[in-house]
Amino acid sequence: MSEADKKPNSRARVRREQRRSSLVEAVEAELDETGLEGATLERVGQRVGLSKGALYYYIDSRDDLLTLVLEDVLQQQREKGEGLAGEFPTPLARLRAFAHGHVSVIVNRPAGRMIVGHLELLASHQKSTRLLQQQDVYVRAIIKDAVEAGELRKITPVIASAVLFGALNTVPRTFDPNGPLSLEEVVDAVLDLLLTGWGADAE
């Protein structure tokens, strides 16, 4: 394929990504304003200038509204964690960085808080379940690497991941922005409690 042939495809891909980004923002604004129960495809379409029919290019049904935002939130969590981890982190440093990125998004982003509040609903839909499982596999792999590196004792990654997410997902309900601890300090405290039992020297 010539460079001339590639450019239209590249431009089309950029337009699709821009449209998708706008749609994510519209869905998030709609969910924040009306809640999941009140959100409609028509209202989302009005926010981005798309008909209900055109929305079906991106969304199969109303239930996919939260799934669309979920994918964006999970990606932001991973990217934020990788950014906090630095260039050559140890597995344990990656785990701690991911935890901070995860909590930062679910506390500071309205869609993040909504997702944590609707995990059972998300788990009932195939697409969102697959996305959540991918995030879980991502974290399990980090835990496995930390075990193999001798930073954590021989724990079972699937159980450790479930415990980690369970603890982190309570932070939006318990964190007090006017309290004595910053959000980062709260996450560190949660991690310290967990990792004291998981650490290699706990055996």
N, C-alpha and C. Protein backbone atom coordinates (compact mmCIF):
# COMPACT_ATOMS: atom_id res chain seq x y z
N MET A 1 0.85 -1.19 0.00
CA MET A 1 0.00 0.00 0.00
C MET A 1 0.88 1.24 0.00
N SER A 2 0.58 2.19 -0.87
CA SER A 2 1.38 3.40 -0.97
C SER A 2 1.06 4.33 0.19
N GLU A 3 1.96 5.32 0.39
CA GLU A 3 1.73 6.30 1.45
C GLU A 3 0.45 7.08 1.20
N ALA A 4 0.16 7.32 -0.09
CA ALA A 4 -1.07 8.06 -0.43
C ALA A 4 -2.31 7.27 -0.03
N ASP A 5 -2.22 5.92 -0.18
CA ASP A 5 -3.35 5.08 0.20
C ASP A 5 -3.51 5.01 1.71
N LYS A 6 -2.38 5.07 2.43
CA LYS A 6 -2.43 4.95 3.89
C LYS A 6 -3.04 6.18 4.54
N LYS A 7 -2.80 7.37 3.97
CA LYS A 7 -3.23 8.60 4.61
C LYS A 7 -4.74 8.69 4.81
N PRO A 8 -5.57 8.34 3.80
CA PRO A 8 -7.02 8.37 4.05
C PRO A 8 -7.44 7.45 5.18
N ASN A 9 -6.84 6.24 5.22
CA ASN A 9 -7.15 5.31 6.30
C ASN A 9 -6.74 5.88 7.65
N SER A 10 -5.57 6.53 7.67
CA SER A 10 -5.09 7.13 8.91
C SER A 10 -6.01 8.25 9.36
N ARG A 11 -6.43 9.08 8.42
CA ARG A 11 -7.33 10.18 8.76
C ARG A 11 -8.67 9.65 9.26
N ALA A 12 -9.16 8.60 8.61
CA ALA A 12 -10.42 8.00 9.05
C ALA A 12 -10.30 7.44 10.45
N ARG A 13 -9.15 6.82 10.74
CA ARG A 13 -8.93 6.26 12.07
C ARG A 13 -8.89 7.36 13.12
N VAL A 14 -8.24 8.48 12.79
CA VAL A 14 -8.18 9.61 13.71
C VAL A 14 -9.58 10.16 13.96
N ARG A 15 -10.38 10.28 12.90
CA ARG A 15 -11.74 10.79 13.06
C ARG A 15 -12.58 9.86 13.93
N ARG A 16 -12.41 8.56 13.74
CA ARG A 16 -13.15 7.60 14.57
C ARG A 16 -12.76 7.72 16.03
N GLU A 17 -11.46 7.88 16.27
CA GLU A 17 -10.99 8.02 17.65
C GLU A 17 -11.49 9.32 18.27
N GLN A 18 -11.51 10.39 17.48
CA GLN A 18 -12.01 11.66 17.98
C GLN A 18 -13.50 11.56 18.30
N ARG A 19 -14.24 10.90 17.40
CA ARG A 19 -15.67 10.72 17.63
C ARG A 19 -15.91 9.87 18.87
N ARG A 20 -15.12 8.83 19.02
CA ARG A 20 -15.28 7.96 20.18
C ARG A 20 -14.97 8.72 21.46
N SER A 21 -13.91 9.54 21.43
CA SER A 21 -13.56 10.33 22.61
C SER A 21 -14.68 11.29 22.98
N SER A 22 -15.27 11.93 21.96
CA SER A 22 -16.40 12.83 22.20
C SER A 22 -17.59 12.08 22.77
N LEU A 23 -17.79 10.87 22.27
CA LEU A 23 -18.91 10.06 22.73
C LEU A 23 -18.71 9.64 24.18
N VAL A 24 -17.48 9.27 24.54
CA VAL A 24 -17.19 8.91 25.93
C VAL A 24 -17.50 10.09 26.85
N GLU A 25 -17.08 11.28 26.44
CA GLU A 25 -17.35 12.48 27.25
C GLU A 25 -18.85 12.72 27.37
N ALA A 26 -19.58 12.52 26.27
CA ALA A 26 -21.03 12.73 26.29
C ALA A 26 -21.72 11.72 27.20
N VAL A 27 -21.33 10.47 27.09
CA VAL A 27 -21.92 9.42 27.93
C VAL A 27 -21.62 9.70 29.40
N GLU A 28 -20.37 10.08 29.67
CA GLU A 28 -19.99 10.36 31.06
C GLU A 28 -20.79 11.53 31.62
N ALA A 29 -20.96 12.58 30.81
CA ALA A 29 -21.75 13.73 31.26
C ALA A 29 -23.20 13.35 31.49
N GLU A 30 -23.74 12.51 30.60
CA GLU A 30 -25.12 12.06 30.73
C GLU A 30 -25.30 11.21 31.99
N LEU A 31 -24.38 10.29 32.22
CA LEU A 31 -24.46 9.44 33.40
C LEU A 31 -24.31 10.25 34.68
N ASP A 32 -23.44 11.25 34.65
CA ASP A 32 -23.22 12.09 35.82
C ASP A 32 -24.46 12.93 36.12
N GLU A 33 -25.16 13.34 35.08
CA GLU A 33 -26.33 14.21 35.24
C GLU A 33 -27.59 13.44 35.61
N THR A 34 -27.81 12.30 34.97
CA THR A 34 -29.08 11.59 35.13
C THR A 34 -28.96 10.26 35.86
N GLY A 35 -27.72 9.76 36.00
CA GLY A 35 -27.55 8.42 36.55
C GLY A 35 -27.81 7.38 35.48
N LEU A 36 -27.41 6.17 35.74
CA LEU A 36 -27.55 5.11 34.74
C LEU A 36 -29.02 4.88 34.39
N GLU A 37 -29.89 4.97 35.39
CA GLU A 37 -31.30 4.69 35.15
C GLU A 37 -31.95 5.73 34.24
N GLY A 38 -31.47 6.97 34.30
CA GLY A 38 -32.10 8.03 33.51
C GLY A 38 -31.45 8.29 32.17
N ALA A 39 -30.30 7.69 31.91
CA ALA A 39 -29.57 7.94 30.66
C ALA A 39 -30.31 7.32 29.48
N THR A 40 -30.33 8.04 28.37
CA THR A 40 -30.96 7.51 27.15
C THR A 40 -30.03 7.73 25.96
N LEU A 41 -30.19 6.88 24.95
CA LEU A 41 -29.39 7.03 23.74
C LEU A 41 -29.70 8.33 23.04
N GLU A 42 -30.97 8.75 23.06
CA GLU A 42 -31.35 10.00 22.41
C GLU A 42 -30.61 11.19 23.01
N ARG A 43 -30.56 11.25 24.34
CA ARG A 43 -29.91 12.37 25.01
C ARG A 43 -28.40 12.36 24.77
N VAL A 44 -27.81 11.18 24.78
CA VAL A 44 -26.37 11.08 24.48
C VAL A 44 -26.12 11.55 23.05
N GLY A 45 -26.96 11.12 22.12
CA GLY A 45 -26.80 11.53 20.73
C GLY A 45 -26.91 13.03 20.56
N GLN A 46 -27.82 13.66 21.28
CA GLN A 46 -27.97 15.11 21.20
C GLN A 46 -26.71 15.83 21.65
N ARG A 47 -26.02 15.26 22.60
CA ARG A 47 -24.81 15.91 23.12
C ARG A 47 -23.68 15.92 22.09
N VAL A 48 -23.68 14.95 21.18
CA VAL A 48 -22.59 14.85 20.20
C VAL A 48 -23.07 15.05 18.77
N GLY A 49 -24.36 15.37 18.61
CA GLY A 49 -24.88 15.62 17.28
C GLY A 49 -25.06 14.38 16.44
N LEU A 50 -25.39 13.26 17.07
CA LEU A 50 -25.62 12.01 16.35
C LEU A 50 -27.05 11.54 16.57
N SER A 51 -27.62 10.95 15.54
CA SER A 51 -28.95 10.36 15.69
C SER A 51 -28.83 9.06 16.49
N LYS A 52 -29.95 8.59 16.97
CA LYS A 52 -29.95 7.32 17.70
C LYS A 52 -29.42 6.20 16.82
N GLY A 53 -29.80 6.23 15.54
CA GLY A 53 -29.33 5.21 14.62
C GLY A 53 -27.82 5.25 14.43
N ALA A 54 -27.26 6.47 14.33
CA ALA A 54 -25.82 6.61 14.15
C ALA A 54 -25.05 6.13 15.38
N LEU A 55 -25.67 6.25 16.54
CA LEU A 55 -25.01 5.81 17.77
C LEU A 55 -24.75 4.31 17.77
N TYR A 56 -25.57 3.57 17.04
CA TYR A 56 -25.42 2.11 17.04
C TYR A 56 -24.13 1.66 16.36
N TYR A 57 -23.44 2.59 15.71
CA TYR A 57 -22.11 2.26 15.17
C TYR A 57 -21.13 2.04 16.32
N TYR A 58 -21.39 2.72 17.44
CA TYR A 58 -20.49 2.65 18.59
C TYR A 58 -21.09 1.84 19.74
N ILE A 59 -22.40 1.85 19.85
CA ILE A 59 -23.08 1.24 20.99
C ILE A 59 -24.17 0.31 20.48
N ASP A 60 -24.19 -0.91 20.98
CA ASP A 60 -25.20 -1.88 20.55
C ASP A 60 -26.54 -1.66 21.24
N SER A 61 -26.48 -1.15 22.46
CA SER A 61 -27.71 -0.97 23.23
C SER A 61 -27.46 0.05 24.33
N ARG A 62 -28.52 0.42 25.02
CA ARG A 62 -28.40 1.36 26.13
C ARG A 62 -27.48 0.81 27.21
N ASP A 63 -27.48 -0.49 27.39
CA ASP A 63 -26.63 -1.10 28.42
C ASP A 63 -25.15 -0.89 28.15
N ASP A 64 -24.82 -0.60 26.89
CA ASP A 64 -23.41 -0.41 26.53
C ASP A 64 -22.88 0.97 26.91
N LEU A 65 -23.76 1.87 27.37
CA LEU A 65 -23.32 3.22 27.74
C LEU A 65 -22.24 3.15 28.81
N LEU A 66 -22.53 2.41 29.87
CA LEU A 66 -21.57 2.31 30.97
C LEU A 66 -20.34 1.52 30.55
N THR A 67 -20.54 0.54 29.68
CA THR A 67 -19.41 -0.27 29.21
C THR A 67 -18.43 0.58 28.42
N LEU A 68 -18.95 1.50 27.61
CA LEU A 68 -18.09 2.38 26.82
C LEU A 68 -17.20 3.22 27.73
N VAL A 69 -17.79 3.76 28.78
CA VAL A 69 -17.03 4.57 29.72
C VAL A 69 -16.10 3.69 30.54
N LEU A 70 -16.55 2.49 30.88
CA LEU A 70 -15.72 1.56 31.64
C LEU A 70 -14.40 1.31 30.93
N GLU A 71 -14.45 1.06 29.64
CA GLU A 71 -13.22 0.79 28.88
C GLU A 71 -12.26 1.97 28.98
N ASP A 72 -12.79 3.19 28.90
CA ASP A 72 -11.95 4.38 28.98
C ASP A 72 -11.37 4.55 30.38
N VAL A 73 -12.17 4.28 31.40
CA VAL A 73 -11.71 4.40 32.78
C VAL A 73 -10.60 3.40 33.08
N LEU A 74 -10.79 2.15 32.66
CA LEU A 74 -9.77 1.13 32.92
C LEU A 74 -8.46 1.45 32.21
N GLN A 75 -8.57 1.96 31.01
CA GLN A 75 -7.36 2.35 30.28
C GLN A 75 -6.64 3.49 31.00
N GLN A 76 -7.42 4.46 31.48
CA GLN A 76 -6.82 5.58 32.21
C GLN A 76 -6.13 5.10 33.48
N GLN A 77 -6.72 4.14 34.17
CA GLN A 77 -6.10 3.61 35.38
C GLN A 77 -4.76 2.96 35.09
N ARG A 78 -4.71 2.16 34.03
CA ARG A 78 -3.44 1.51 33.68
C ARG A 78 -2.39 2.53 33.27
N GLU A 79 -2.79 3.48 32.43
CA GLU A 79 -1.84 4.49 31.97
C GLU A 79 -1.33 5.34 33.12
N LYS A 80 -2.22 5.69 34.04
CA LYS A 80 -1.80 6.50 35.19
C LYS A 80 -0.85 5.71 36.07
N GLY A 81 -1.15 4.44 36.29
CA GLY A 81 -0.28 3.60 37.08
C GLY A 81 1.09 3.43 36.46
N GLU A 82 1.12 3.21 35.14
CA GLU A 82 2.40 3.05 34.45
C GLU A 82 3.21 4.34 34.49
N GLY A 83 2.51 5.48 34.42
CA GLY A 83 3.22 6.75 34.53
C GLY A 83 3.81 6.97 35.90
N LEU A 84 3.08 6.58 36.93
CA LEU A 84 3.58 6.73 38.30
C LEU A 84 4.72 5.77 38.61
N ALA A 85 4.74 4.63 37.92
CA ALA A 85 5.74 3.60 38.20
C ALA A 85 7.14 4.01 37.77
N GLY A 86 7.24 4.88 36.79
CA GLY A 86 8.56 5.28 36.31
C GLY A 86 9.06 4.37 35.21
N GLU A 87 10.34 4.51 34.87
CA GLU A 87 10.88 3.84 33.68
C GLU A 87 11.22 2.37 33.90
N PHE A 88 11.88 2.06 35.01
CA PHE A 88 12.30 0.67 35.25
C PHE A 88 11.85 0.22 36.65
N PRO A 89 10.55 0.08 36.85
CA PRO A 89 10.06 -0.27 38.19
C PRO A 89 10.19 -1.76 38.49
N THR A 90 10.29 -2.10 39.75
CA THR A 90 10.19 -3.49 40.16
C THR A 90 8.72 -3.90 40.09
N PRO A 91 8.42 -5.19 40.08
CA PRO A 91 7.01 -5.60 40.06
C PRO A 91 6.20 -5.02 41.23
N LEU A 92 6.81 -4.98 42.41
CA LEU A 92 6.09 -4.44 43.56
C LEU A 92 5.83 -2.95 43.40
N ALA A 93 6.79 -2.24 42.83
CA ALA A 93 6.59 -0.81 42.57
C ALA A 93 5.47 -0.61 41.54
N ARG A 94 5.40 -1.49 40.56
CA ARG A 94 4.32 -1.42 39.56
C ARG A 94 2.97 -1.66 40.22
N LEU A 95 2.93 -2.61 41.15
CA LEU A 95 1.67 -2.91 41.84
C LEU A 95 1.21 -1.72 42.66
N ARG A 96 2.13 -1.11 43.39
CA ARG A 96 1.78 0.05 44.20
C ARG A 96 1.34 1.21 43.30
N ALA A 97 2.04 1.41 42.19
CA ALA A 97 1.70 2.50 41.28
C ALA A 97 0.33 2.27 40.66
N PHE A 98 0.04 1.03 40.27
CA PHE A 98 -1.29 0.74 39.72
C PHE A 98 -2.37 1.04 40.75
N ALA A 99 -2.13 0.65 42.00
CA ALA A 99 -3.12 0.89 43.05
C ALA A 99 -3.41 2.38 43.19
N HIS A 100 -2.35 3.19 43.16
CA HIS A 100 -2.55 4.64 43.25
C HIS A 100 -3.31 5.17 42.04
N GLY A 101 -2.97 4.68 40.85
CA GLY A 101 -3.68 5.11 39.65
C GLY A 101 -5.14 4.70 39.68
N HIS A 102 -5.39 3.48 40.11
CA HIS A 102 -6.76 2.96 40.20
C HIS A 102 -7.61 3.83 41.12
N VAL A 103 -7.10 4.10 42.31
CA VAL A 103 -7.87 4.86 43.28
C VAL A 103 -8.03 6.32 42.85
N SER A 104 -6.98 6.90 42.29
CA SER A 104 -7.07 8.28 41.83
C SER A 104 -8.23 8.47 40.86
N VAL A 105 -8.38 7.51 39.95
CA VAL A 105 -9.43 7.62 38.93
C VAL A 105 -10.82 7.40 39.54
N ILE A 106 -10.97 6.40 40.41
CA ILE A 106 -12.31 6.13 40.94
C ILE A 106 -12.74 7.14 41.99
N VAL A 107 -11.80 7.91 42.52
CA VAL A 107 -12.16 8.97 43.47
C VAL A 107 -12.40 10.29 42.75
N ASN A 108 -11.54 10.62 41.81
CA ASN A 108 -11.57 11.95 41.19
C ASN A 108 -12.40 12.05 39.92
N ARG A 109 -12.71 10.92 39.31
CA ARG A 109 -13.50 10.94 38.08
C ARG A 109 -14.91 10.42 38.38
N PRO A 110 -15.94 11.23 38.11
CA PRO A 110 -17.31 10.79 38.41
C PRO A 110 -17.65 9.42 37.83
N ALA A 111 -17.21 9.16 36.61
CA ALA A 111 -17.49 7.86 35.99
C ALA A 111 -16.82 6.74 36.75
N GLY A 112 -15.65 7.01 37.32
CA GLY A 112 -14.97 5.99 38.10
C GLY A 112 -15.77 5.61 39.33
N ARG A 113 -16.32 6.63 40.01
CA ARG A 113 -17.14 6.36 41.19
C ARG A 113 -18.41 5.59 40.81
N MET A 114 -19.00 5.96 39.68
CA MET A 114 -20.21 5.28 39.24
C MET A 114 -19.94 3.81 38.91
N ILE A 115 -18.82 3.56 38.28
CA ILE A 115 -18.47 2.19 37.92
C ILE A 115 -18.31 1.33 39.17
N VAL A 116 -17.61 1.85 40.16
CA VAL A 116 -17.43 1.10 41.41
C VAL A 116 -18.79 0.81 42.05
N GLY A 117 -19.71 1.74 41.90
CA GLY A 117 -21.04 1.55 42.48
C GLY A 117 -21.94 0.61 41.69
N HIS A 118 -21.52 0.25 40.48
CA HIS A 118 -22.36 -0.61 39.63
C HIS A 118 -21.61 -1.85 39.17
N LEU A 119 -20.67 -2.33 39.96
CA LEU A 119 -19.88 -3.49 39.55
C LEU A 119 -20.73 -4.73 39.34
N GLU A 120 -21.75 -4.92 40.17
CA GLU A 120 -22.60 -6.10 40.00
C GLU A 120 -23.37 -6.01 38.69
N LEU A 121 -23.85 -4.82 38.36
CA LEU A 121 -24.55 -4.65 37.09
C LEU A 121 -23.62 -4.89 35.91
N LEU A 122 -22.41 -4.36 36.00
CA LEU A 122 -21.44 -4.55 34.93
C LEU A 122 -21.11 -6.02 34.75
N ALA A 123 -21.03 -6.73 35.85
CA ALA A 123 -20.68 -8.15 35.78
C ALA A 123 -21.76 -8.99 35.11
N SER A 124 -22.94 -8.41 34.92
CA SER A 124 -24.02 -9.15 34.27
C SER A 124 -24.02 -8.98 32.76
N HIS A 125 -23.12 -8.16 32.24
CA HIS A 125 -23.03 -7.92 30.80
C HIS A 125 -21.72 -8.48 30.26
N GLN A 126 -21.80 -9.16 29.15
CA GLN A 126 -20.65 -9.88 28.60
C GLN A 126 -19.48 -8.96 28.28
N LYS A 127 -19.75 -7.84 27.62
CA LYS A 127 -18.66 -6.95 27.21
C LYS A 127 -17.94 -6.35 28.41
N SER A 128 -18.71 -5.85 29.36
CA SER A 128 -18.08 -5.24 30.53
C SER A 128 -17.39 -6.28 31.39
N THR A 129 -17.95 -7.48 31.47
CA THR A 129 -17.29 -8.55 32.21
C THR A 129 -15.93 -8.87 31.62
N ARG A 130 -15.86 -8.91 30.30
CA ARG A 130 -14.58 -9.18 29.62
C ARG A 130 -13.56 -8.08 29.93
N LEU A 131 -13.99 -6.83 29.95
CA LEU A 131 -13.08 -5.73 30.26
C LEU A 131 -12.57 -5.82 31.69
N LEU A 132 -13.45 -6.12 32.62
CA LEU A 132 -13.05 -6.25 34.02
C LEU A 132 -12.11 -7.43 34.21
N GLN A 133 -12.36 -8.51 33.49
CA GLN A 133 -11.48 -9.67 33.58
C GLN A 133 -10.09 -9.35 33.04
N GLN A 134 -10.03 -8.56 31.97
CA GLN A 134 -8.73 -8.17 31.41
C GLN A 134 -7.94 -7.34 32.42
N GLN A 135 -8.63 -6.46 33.13
CA GLN A 135 -7.96 -5.66 34.16
C GLN A 135 -7.46 -6.55 35.29
N ASP A 136 -8.27 -7.53 35.65
CA ASP A 136 -7.89 -8.46 36.70
C ASP A 136 -6.67 -9.28 36.28
N VAL A 137 -6.66 -9.76 35.05
CA VAL A 137 -5.52 -10.52 34.53
C VAL A 137 -4.26 -9.66 34.53
N TYR A 138 -4.41 -8.39 34.20
CA TYR A 138 -3.29 -7.45 34.20
C TYR A 138 -2.65 -7.36 35.59
N VAL A 139 -3.50 -7.24 36.61
CA VAL A 139 -2.99 -7.12 37.98
C VAL A 139 -2.44 -8.46 38.48
N ARG A 140 -3.10 -9.54 38.13
CA ARG A 140 -2.58 -10.86 38.53
C ARG A 140 -1.17 -11.08 38.00
N ALA A 141 -0.93 -10.64 36.77
CA ALA A 141 0.39 -10.82 36.17
C ALA A 141 1.45 -10.04 36.95
N ILE A 142 1.10 -8.84 37.40
CA ILE A 142 2.05 -8.05 38.20
C ILE A 142 2.34 -8.76 39.52
N ILE A 143 1.29 -9.26 40.16
CA ILE A 143 1.46 -9.98 41.43
C ILE A 143 2.33 -11.22 41.22
N LYS A 144 2.08 -11.95 40.16
CA LYS A 144 2.87 -13.14 39.84
C LYS A 144 4.34 -12.78 39.66
N ASP A 145 4.60 -11.68 38.95
CA ASP A 145 5.98 -11.23 38.75
C ASP A 145 6.63 -10.87 40.08
N ALA A 146 5.86 -10.24 40.98
CA ALA A 146 6.41 -9.86 42.28
C ALA A 146 6.74 -11.09 43.12
N VAL A 147 5.90 -12.11 43.01
CA VAL A 147 6.18 -13.37 43.72
C VAL A 147 7.45 -14.00 43.17
N GLU A 148 7.56 -14.07 41.86
CA GLU A 148 8.73 -14.70 41.23
C GLU A 148 10.00 -13.91 41.50
N ALA A 149 9.86 -12.59 41.71
CA ALA A 149 11.02 -11.76 42.01
C ALA A 149 11.41 -11.82 43.48
N GLY A 150 10.61 -12.52 44.29
CA GLY A 150 10.91 -12.64 45.71
C GLY A 150 10.45 -11.45 46.52
N GLU A 151 9.66 -10.55 45.91
CA GLU A 151 9.17 -9.37 46.64
C GLU A 151 7.93 -9.70 47.45
N LEU A 152 7.18 -10.70 47.03
CA LEU A 152 6.01 -11.16 47.76
C LEU A 152 6.16 -12.66 48.03
N ARG A 153 5.55 -13.11 49.11
CA ARG A 153 5.60 -14.55 49.39
C ARG A 153 4.72 -15.30 48.39
N LYS A 154 4.68 -16.59 48.48
CA LYS A 154 3.97 -17.40 47.49
C LYS A 154 2.46 -17.35 47.73
N ILE A 155 1.88 -16.24 47.29
CA ILE A 155 0.43 -16.07 47.40
C ILE A 155 -0.21 -16.43 46.06
N THR A 156 -1.51 -16.66 46.08
CA THR A 156 -2.24 -17.00 44.87
C THR A 156 -2.71 -15.72 44.19
N PRO A 157 -2.22 -15.41 42.99
CA PRO A 157 -2.55 -14.13 42.35
C PRO A 157 -4.04 -13.86 42.21
N VAL A 158 -4.84 -14.87 41.89
CA VAL A 158 -6.27 -14.63 41.69
C VAL A 158 -6.94 -14.17 42.99
N ILE A 159 -6.52 -14.74 44.11
CA ILE A 159 -7.08 -14.33 45.40
C ILE A 159 -6.54 -12.97 45.80
N ALA A 160 -5.24 -12.78 45.62
CA ALA A 160 -4.62 -11.50 45.98
C ALA A 160 -5.23 -10.36 45.19
N SER A 161 -5.48 -10.58 43.91
CA SER A 161 -6.07 -9.54 43.08
C SER A 161 -7.47 -9.18 43.56
N ALA A 162 -8.26 -10.19 43.90
CA ALA A 162 -9.62 -9.95 44.39
C ALA A 162 -9.60 -9.15 45.69
N VAL A 163 -8.68 -9.50 46.59
CA VAL A 163 -8.56 -8.79 47.86
C VAL A 163 -8.11 -7.35 47.62
N LEU A 164 -7.16 -7.17 46.71
CA LEU A 164 -6.64 -5.83 46.42
C LEU A 164 -7.75 -4.93 45.88
N PHE A 165 -8.47 -5.40 44.87
CA PHE A 165 -9.54 -4.58 44.30
C PHE A 165 -10.64 -4.33 45.33
N GLY A 166 -10.94 -5.33 46.14
CA GLY A 166 -11.96 -5.15 47.17
C GLY A 166 -11.58 -4.04 48.14
N ALA A 167 -10.32 -4.01 48.54
CA ALA A 167 -9.86 -2.98 49.48
C ALA A 167 -9.82 -1.61 48.82
N LEU A 168 -9.28 -1.54 47.61
CA LEU A 168 -9.14 -0.25 46.93
C LEU A 168 -10.49 0.36 46.59
N ASN A 169 -11.45 -0.49 46.24
CA ASN A 169 -12.76 0.03 45.82
C ASN A 169 -13.60 0.58 46.96
N THR A 170 -13.15 0.39 48.20
CA THR A 170 -13.85 1.00 49.34
C THR A 170 -13.37 2.41 49.61
N VAL A 171 -12.24 2.79 49.03
CA VAL A 171 -11.65 4.10 49.33
C VAL A 171 -12.58 5.26 48.98
N PRO A 172 -13.29 5.25 47.83
CA PRO A 172 -14.19 6.38 47.55
C PRO A 172 -15.25 6.60 48.63
N ARG A 173 -15.64 5.54 49.32
CA ARG A 173 -16.66 5.67 50.37
C ARG A 173 -16.05 6.11 51.70
N THR A 174 -14.79 5.81 51.91
CA THR A 174 -14.19 6.08 53.22
C THR A 174 -13.27 7.30 53.22
N PHE A 175 -12.79 7.71 52.05
CA PHE A 175 -11.85 8.82 52.01
C PHE A 175 -12.56 10.14 52.31
N ASP A 176 -11.99 10.91 53.21
CA ASP A 176 -12.50 12.23 53.57
C ASP A 176 -11.49 13.27 53.09
N PRO A 177 -11.84 14.06 52.06
CA PRO A 177 -10.89 15.06 51.56
C PRO A 177 -10.51 16.10 52.60
N ASN A 178 -11.32 16.23 53.64
CA ASN A 178 -11.01 17.17 54.72
C ASN A 178 -10.39 16.47 55.93
N GLY A 179 -10.11 15.18 55.78
CA GLY A 179 -9.55 14.41 56.87
C GLY A 179 -8.05 14.60 57.02
N PRO A 180 -7.46 13.91 57.97
CA PRO A 180 -6.03 14.09 58.27
C PRO A 180 -5.09 13.49 57.23
N LEU A 181 -5.59 12.54 56.40
CA LEU A 181 -4.73 11.87 55.43
C LEU A 181 -5.09 12.28 54.01
N SER A 182 -4.07 12.48 53.20
CA SER A 182 -4.30 12.74 51.78
C SER A 182 -4.73 11.44 51.10
N LEU A 183 -5.21 11.54 49.88
CA LEU A 183 -5.62 10.34 49.16
C LEU A 183 -4.45 9.39 48.98
N GLU A 184 -3.29 9.94 48.67
CA GLU A 184 -2.09 9.11 48.49
C GLU A 184 -1.73 8.39 49.79
N GLU A 185 -1.87 9.09 50.91
CA GLU A 185 -1.55 8.47 52.20
C GLU A 185 -2.55 7.37 52.55
N VAL A 186 -3.81 7.57 52.18
CA VAL A 186 -4.82 6.54 52.42
C VAL A 186 -4.48 5.28 51.63
N VAL A 187 -4.14 5.46 50.35
CA VAL A 187 -3.78 4.30 49.52
C VAL A 187 -2.55 3.60 50.07
N ASP A 188 -1.57 4.37 50.48
CA ASP A 188 -0.36 3.77 51.07
C ASP A 188 -0.70 2.97 52.32
N ALA A 189 -1.62 3.50 53.13
CA ALA A 189 -2.01 2.80 54.35
C ALA A 189 -2.70 1.47 54.02
N VAL A 190 -3.57 1.49 53.01
CA VAL A 190 -4.24 0.25 52.59
C VAL A 190 -3.21 -0.75 52.09
N LEU A 191 -2.29 -0.28 51.26
CA LEU A 191 -1.27 -1.17 50.71
C LEU A 191 -0.36 -1.72 51.80
N ASP A 192 -0.02 -0.88 52.76
CA ASP A 192 0.84 -1.35 53.85
C ASP A 192 0.16 -2.47 54.64
N LEU A 193 -1.14 -2.33 54.88
CA LEU A 193 -1.87 -3.39 55.59
C LEU A 193 -1.86 -4.69 54.80
N LEU A 194 -2.10 -4.59 53.50
CA LEU A 194 -2.12 -5.79 52.67
C LEU A 194 -0.73 -6.40 52.52
N LEU A 195 0.22 -5.56 52.18
CA LEU A 195 1.54 -6.07 51.84
C LEU A 195 2.32 -6.55 53.05
N THR A 196 1.91 -6.13 54.25
CA THR A 196 2.54 -6.67 55.45
C THR A 196 2.30 -8.17 55.53
N GLY A 197 1.11 -8.59 55.13
CA GLY A 197 0.80 -10.01 55.13
C GLY A 197 1.29 -10.73 53.89
N TRP A 198 1.46 -9.99 52.81
CA TRP A 198 1.89 -10.60 51.56
C TRP A 198 3.39 -10.62 51.38
N GLY A 199 4.08 -9.75 52.11
CA GLY A 199 5.50 -9.58 51.89
C GLY A 199 6.30 -10.86 52.07
N ALA A 200 7.45 -10.92 51.41
CA ALA A 200 8.29 -12.12 51.45
C ALA A 200 8.75 -12.43 52.86
N ASP A 201 8.92 -11.40 53.70
CA ASP A 201 9.40 -11.63 55.06
C ASP A 201 8.28 -12.06 56.00
N ALA A 202 7.05 -12.20 55.47
CA ALA A 202 5.93 -12.62 56.32
C ALA A 202 5.83 -14.13 56.43
N GLU A 203 6.59 -14.85 55.61
CA GLU A 203 6.55 -16.32 55.65
C GLU A 203 7.22 -16.84 56.92
